[in-house]
Amino acid sequence: KHAGMPVEIGLAEAHQTLVLNGLRSRVTLQSDGQLKSGRDVAVAALLGAEEFGFATAPLIALGCIMMRKCHMNTCPVGIATQDEDLRKKFVGQPEHVVNFLWLVAEEVRGYMAQLGYRTFTEMVGKTERLTVDEAKLGPKSSTLDLSPILMPAQPLMPEETMYKIMEQDHGIPDRLDSKLMPQVKAAIEAGTPVKVTSDIVNIDRSFGAIISNYVSQKWGEDGLPAGTIHFDLKGHAGQSLGFTLAPGVSVHVEGDANDYTGKGLSGGELVVYPSRELGEDFKRAAHKHMIVGNTCLYGATKGTAFYSGRAGERFCVRNSGAIAVVEGVGDHGCEYMTGGRAVILGSTGNNFAAGMSGGIAFVYDADGTFADRCNMEMVGLSSVADNAEDAAELRGYVEAHAEKTGSVLAKEFLANWEESAAKFTKVLPHDYARVLAERAARAALAGAEVKSSQSA
């Protein structure tokens, strides 16, 4: 609370700068940050905004009571939690948000009428209609000079419009997805397997997003069977490779990838491994080199990812269901993770598992120092060797990693599995452990009741 910059400062400055440089006509300026009423929207519009983002207010309309426990999996009204019992308490409806926004729009219309504007765009950027209410100034606030915020932008560039009128060409037809779509479109429509080979370069960003959108439009959330649409790519993938990759779409990259690889992964498969042209010596040392960038698998919900090499910082942040295997990570791994599995076959950076409330991580701890780099506030550590089920689950992930990427490191672990498994540490959030225990108890009780009724 009371942190960050007031939206009025950033909004006014952005609007004035865009107008001054003759760019305002090309840009949609969106404002968000504690917008809760029609008056807030009207003020933001007069300062230059034409789109508005709402977050806190719609959450409250859905039943949020601002307990500020979103990261702890204990939301008492069932909004920010994976706990099935707590989620039953959620009573929000889409109509609640719709009704709130209708009321906001109605209030905005009232302010427009007072100011004499018939259309919303007429009031965008009309900063001269704002004045300081002297009666509300205190001893400190009266010393503030608000003239830079209230300075009209139109005189800076009289011929420039105050809102967007010009569409930009984002080059979507030139994106790699669009170029490869003709080769997979018929297969997507028929649901038949297809395999496509192509080069990829680092300006090919968010590869897979457009194709995944087409899959989702045709087949819905469930997508296609695993591996139906298969891409073998070679080169250096740009940012957000596999963004929101849909079920049934597999993307294999021989080379490397940039930041945000697997961002929002939604059921597809991502595999990244070093170029074969680098030779066997590099392949054996792949676990020492970066293969993907920072913030990989941010917000992933399901799917699988295998990276034969190290990842950067914030690996699997806010992962809620994807399964990922990598050979080392930087700082803040598995931060705010709420579900899924993360298998780290090498060293980690500091602050691992900060805010982690769900899911499980398996970390290879060769020298026994992982606990010093793990944030223990919300998680507990145990040895994988102490639990046969954990060891079997982990082995399955390592085997899949070896098969998908040809990882020499994974094959070495499998060749001497008992010794390797003994060096893996299981990271389990306390709340998630409680939920798993409760589920197991309910399942056991249900099984006992079924058995009892059959005996009767």
Foldseek 3Di string as FASTA:
>chain_A
DPDDDPQLVVLLVVLLVCLLVLNQQADAAETEDPDQALVSVLLSQQSQHDHYDDDPNLVVLQPQPPPPCLLAQPRQQQDRHPFPVSVVNGDGDPVSSVVSVVRRVVVNVVVCVVVVHPDSLVNGQNLVVDDDDVVPDDPVNVPDDCCSSSPRNCVSHVVHGSHHDDYDCPPPCVAPQNVCCVVCVVCLLVLAADEEEEEAEQVNEQPQPVVQVSQCVRPNQQGGAARRYEYEYEYEYHYQHCACHGARYEYEYADAYEYQDQAQPRHHEYEYEYHCVVDDVCLQVQQVDERYEEQYNACHEEHEYAYQYEYEYAANAQYEAYEYEYAEYEAAYQASHAAHEYEHNYYYYAAYCHSYNHYKYKYQAPPPCNVVRYDPPFKDKDQQLVDPVSLVVVLVVLVVNCVRHVRPSSVVCVVVVNVRSRRIMMIGTPNHVVSVVVVVVVVVVVVVVVVVVVVD
